[in-house]
C-alpha cells in the first residue's frame, strides 16, 4: 500500500471514531427547548411553525396526541414499528410515569402521524418530548434517554 492510501485510511478512521464518540455522547440526551411564555388558559394551541419567535415553545394538546395531557407533565415518545431502542424507551418512560403522580406517557407512531412529525422536526426514533402541564415542549431527546435523565427533566417541569 502506498503512503497516500495509508494516510487516507488513517484520516477516515479518525473521523469515523470522532463521529462515533460524538453520537455516543449526545444520543438520548434531554436538552432544553424554547422557553415557554405565559399563555392564557383560553389561548389556542399552537405548533412549532406558528410560534412567533424562538423564545416560544411548541404547544401540544389532546388533539395532537390523541390522549389527554398529564396533570403535571406528559412524556411523548415518537416510535416506529421496527425501532429496537423504542421498546427500551417505552419501558423507561412507562416506569417513570408510573412512579410520579400526574405524569403521563403517550407513544405516537411516527409513520402514522407524519404531519406532527414534520411540524416538530422529529428526525429519528425514538424521539422523546417532555411537556409541562399546559402542553409546552420544554425538553427533547433524540435516542433512548436514561431513566435518571428523564426524572431530572421532569424535576424542572413539576
Protein backbone atom coordinates (compact mmCIF):
# COMPACT_ATOMS: atom_id res chain seq x y z
CA UNK A 1 0.00 0.00 0.00
CA UNK A 2 1.33 3.43 -0.84
CA UNK A 3 1.77 6.24 1.67
CA UNK A 4 -1.20 8.26 0.33
CA UNK A 5 -3.52 5.30 0.86
CA UNK A 6 -2.35 4.80 4.44
CA UNK A 7 -2.86 8.49 5.22
CA UNK A 8 -6.35 8.46 3.69
CA UNK A 9 -7.26 5.34 5.69
CA UNK A 10 -5.96 6.92 8.91
CA UNK A 11 -7.98 10.11 8.28
CA UNK A 12 -11.16 8.12 7.62
CA UNK A 13 -10.66 6.06 10.79
CA UNK A 14 -10.06 9.16 12.92
CA UNK A 15 -13.14 10.92 11.52
CA UNK A 16 -15.33 7.84 11.97
CA UNK A 17 -14.10 7.43 15.55
CA UNK A 18 -14.75 11.10 16.33
CA UNK A 19 -18.26 10.85 14.90
CA UNK A 20 -18.93 7.70 16.92
CA UNK A 21 -17.81 9.41 20.14
CA UNK A 22 -19.97 12.42 19.35
CA UNK A 23 -23.04 10.24 18.77
CA UNK A 24 -22.38 8.24 21.93
CA UNK A 25 -22.14 11.46 23.94
CA UNK A 26 -25.28 13.10 22.52
CA UNK A 27 -27.58 10.13 21.90
CA UNK A 28 -30.57 10.18 24.25
CA UNK A 29 -29.56 13.42 26.00
CA UNK A 30 -32.52 15.56 27.03
CA UNK A 31 -31.92 19.18 26.15
CA UNK A 32 -33.97 22.25 26.88
CA UNK A 33 -36.07 23.69 24.09
CA UNK A 34 -37.53 27.18 23.77
CA UNK A 35 -38.69 28.78 26.99
CA UNK A 36 -42.48 28.62 27.32
CA UNK A 37 -44.10 32.02 27.66
CA UNK A 38 -47.12 32.53 29.92
CA UNK A 39 -50.29 31.75 28.00
CA UNK A 40 -53.89 32.40 28.99
CA UNK A 41 -55.96 29.28 29.64
CA UNK A 42 -58.25 30.07 26.72
CA UNK A 43 -55.40 30.65 24.24
CA UNK A 44 -55.45 28.38 21.17
CA UNK A 45 -52.90 25.59 20.90
CA UNK A 46 -50.07 26.46 18.53
CA UNK A 47 -47.49 24.28 16.88
CA UNK A 48 -43.83 24.86 16.28
CA UNK A 49 -44.38 26.53 12.91
CA UNK A 50 -46.84 29.02 14.37
CA UNK A 51 -44.51 30.09 17.18
CA UNK A 52 -43.69 33.77 16.64
CA UNK A 53 -40.10 33.58 17.91
CA UNK A 54 -37.54 31.02 19.12
CA UNK A 55 -38.37 32.04 22.70
CA UNK A 56 -41.82 30.44 22.40
CA UNK A 57 -42.11 26.70 22.87
CA UNK A 58 -44.24 24.39 20.76
CA UNK A 59 -47.52 23.55 22.44
CA UNK A 60 -49.32 20.24 22.01
CA UNK A 61 -52.77 19.29 23.18
CA UNK A 62 -55.02 16.27 23.39
CA UNK A 63 -55.99 16.75 19.72
CA UNK A 64 -52.34 16.41 18.67
CA UNK A 65 -51.57 13.46 20.96
CA UNK A 66 -54.83 11.56 20.72
CA UNK A 67 -54.85 11.34 24.53
CA UNK A 68 -55.28 13.85 27.36
CA UNK A 69 -52.26 15.61 28.82
CA UNK A 70 -50.97 14.64 32.24
CA UNK A 71 -52.00 16.85 35.15
CA UNK A 72 -48.37 17.74 35.92
CA UNK A 73 -46.36 16.65 32.84
CA UNK A 74 -46.52 14.46 29.75
CA UNK A 75 -43.79 12.31 28.23
CA UNK A 76 -44.31 11.99 24.47
CA UNK A 77 -42.44 9.30 22.57
CA UNK A 78 -42.26 9.08 18.78
CA UNK A 79 -41.66 5.47 17.71
CA UNK A 80 -41.71 3.23 14.66
CA UNK A 81 -42.57 -0.45 14.38
CA UNK A 82 -39.05 -1.73 13.75
CA UNK A 83 -37.18 0.52 16.20
CA UNK A 84 -35.38 -1.61 18.81
CA UNK A 85 -34.41 1.33 21.10
CA UNK A 86 -38.08 2.39 21.07
CA UNK A 87 -39.06 -0.67 23.11
CA UNK A 88 -36.48 0.12 25.81
CA UNK A 89 -37.56 3.76 25.79
CA UNK A 90 -41.21 2.73 26.18
CA UNK A 91 -40.35 0.67 29.27
CA UNK A 92 -38.30 3.50 30.78
CA UNK A 93 -40.96 6.16 30.21
CA UNK A 94 -43.77 3.88 31.43
CA UNK A 95 -41.80 3.19 34.60
CA UNK A 96 -41.08 6.88 35.25
CA UNK A 97 -44.70 7.87 34.55
CA UNK A 98 -45.86 5.16 36.95
CA UNK A 99 -43.58 6.49 39.69
CA UNK A 100 -44.80 10.08 39.55
CA UNK A 101 -48.41 11.11 40.09
CA UNK A 102 -49.83 13.35 37.37
CA UNK A 103 -47.27 12.30 34.74
CA UNK A 104 -48.49 10.51 31.62
CA UNK A 105 -46.63 8.68 28.86
CA UNK A 106 -48.00 8.92 25.33
CA UNK A 107 -46.45 6.92 22.50
CA UNK A 108 -47.05 8.14 18.95
CA UNK A 109 -46.46 6.06 15.82
CA UNK A 110 -44.28 8.38 13.74
CA UNK A 111 -45.26 6.71 10.47
CA UNK A 112 -48.97 7.27 11.11
CA UNK A 113 -48.58 10.92 12.20
CA UNK A 114 -46.28 12.41 9.55
CA UNK A 115 -47.77 15.90 9.80
CA UNK A 116 -46.96 16.09 13.52
CA UNK A 117 -43.50 14.58 12.91
CA UNK A 118 -42.74 17.26 10.33
CA UNK A 119 -44.17 20.07 12.46
CA UNK A 120 -42.00 19.07 15.43
CA UNK A 121 -38.96 18.27 13.26
CA UNK A 122 -38.63 14.69 14.52
CA UNK A 123 -35.72 13.27 12.54
CA UNK A 124 -35.28 9.84 14.15
CA UNK A 125 -36.91 7.43 16.54
CA UNK A 126 -37.13 7.29 19.41
CA UNK A 127 -37.58 10.99 19.99
CA UNK A 128 -38.86 11.96 23.43
CA UNK A 129 -40.56 15.25 24.28
CA UNK A 130 -41.20 16.43 27.84
CA UNK A 131 -44.29 18.62 28.07
CA UNK A 132 -45.33 20.76 31.00
CA UNK A 133 -48.90 20.70 32.32
CA UNK A 134 -50.10 23.13 29.65
CA UNK A 135 -48.55 21.13 26.79
CA UNK A 136 -45.45 23.22 26.08
CA UNK A 137 -42.43 21.24 24.89
CA UNK A 138 -39.72 22.06 27.43
CA UNK A 139 -37.18 19.30 26.74
CA UNK A 140 -36.47 16.81 23.98
CA UNK A 141 -34.12 13.92 23.26
CA UNK A 142 -33.23 12.03 20.11
CA UNK A 143 -32.38 8.46 21.01
CA UNK A 144 -33.12 6.46 24.13
CA UNK A 145 -32.79 8.63 27.25
CA UNK A 146 -31.58 7.26 30.57
CA UNK A 147 -34.13 6.94 33.38
CA UNK A 148 -32.19 9.37 35.60
CA UNK A 149 -32.18 11.98 32.82
CA UNK A 150 -35.95 11.67 32.35
CA UNK A 151 -36.54 12.08 36.09
CA UNK A 152 -34.23 15.12 36.16
CA UNK A 153 -36.05 16.65 33.19
CA UNK A 154 -39.39 16.16 34.93
CA UNK A 155 -37.91 17.80 38.03
CA UNK A 156 -37.57 21.04 36.07
CA UNK A 157 -41.22 20.84 34.96
CA UNK A 158 -43.07 19.63 38.05
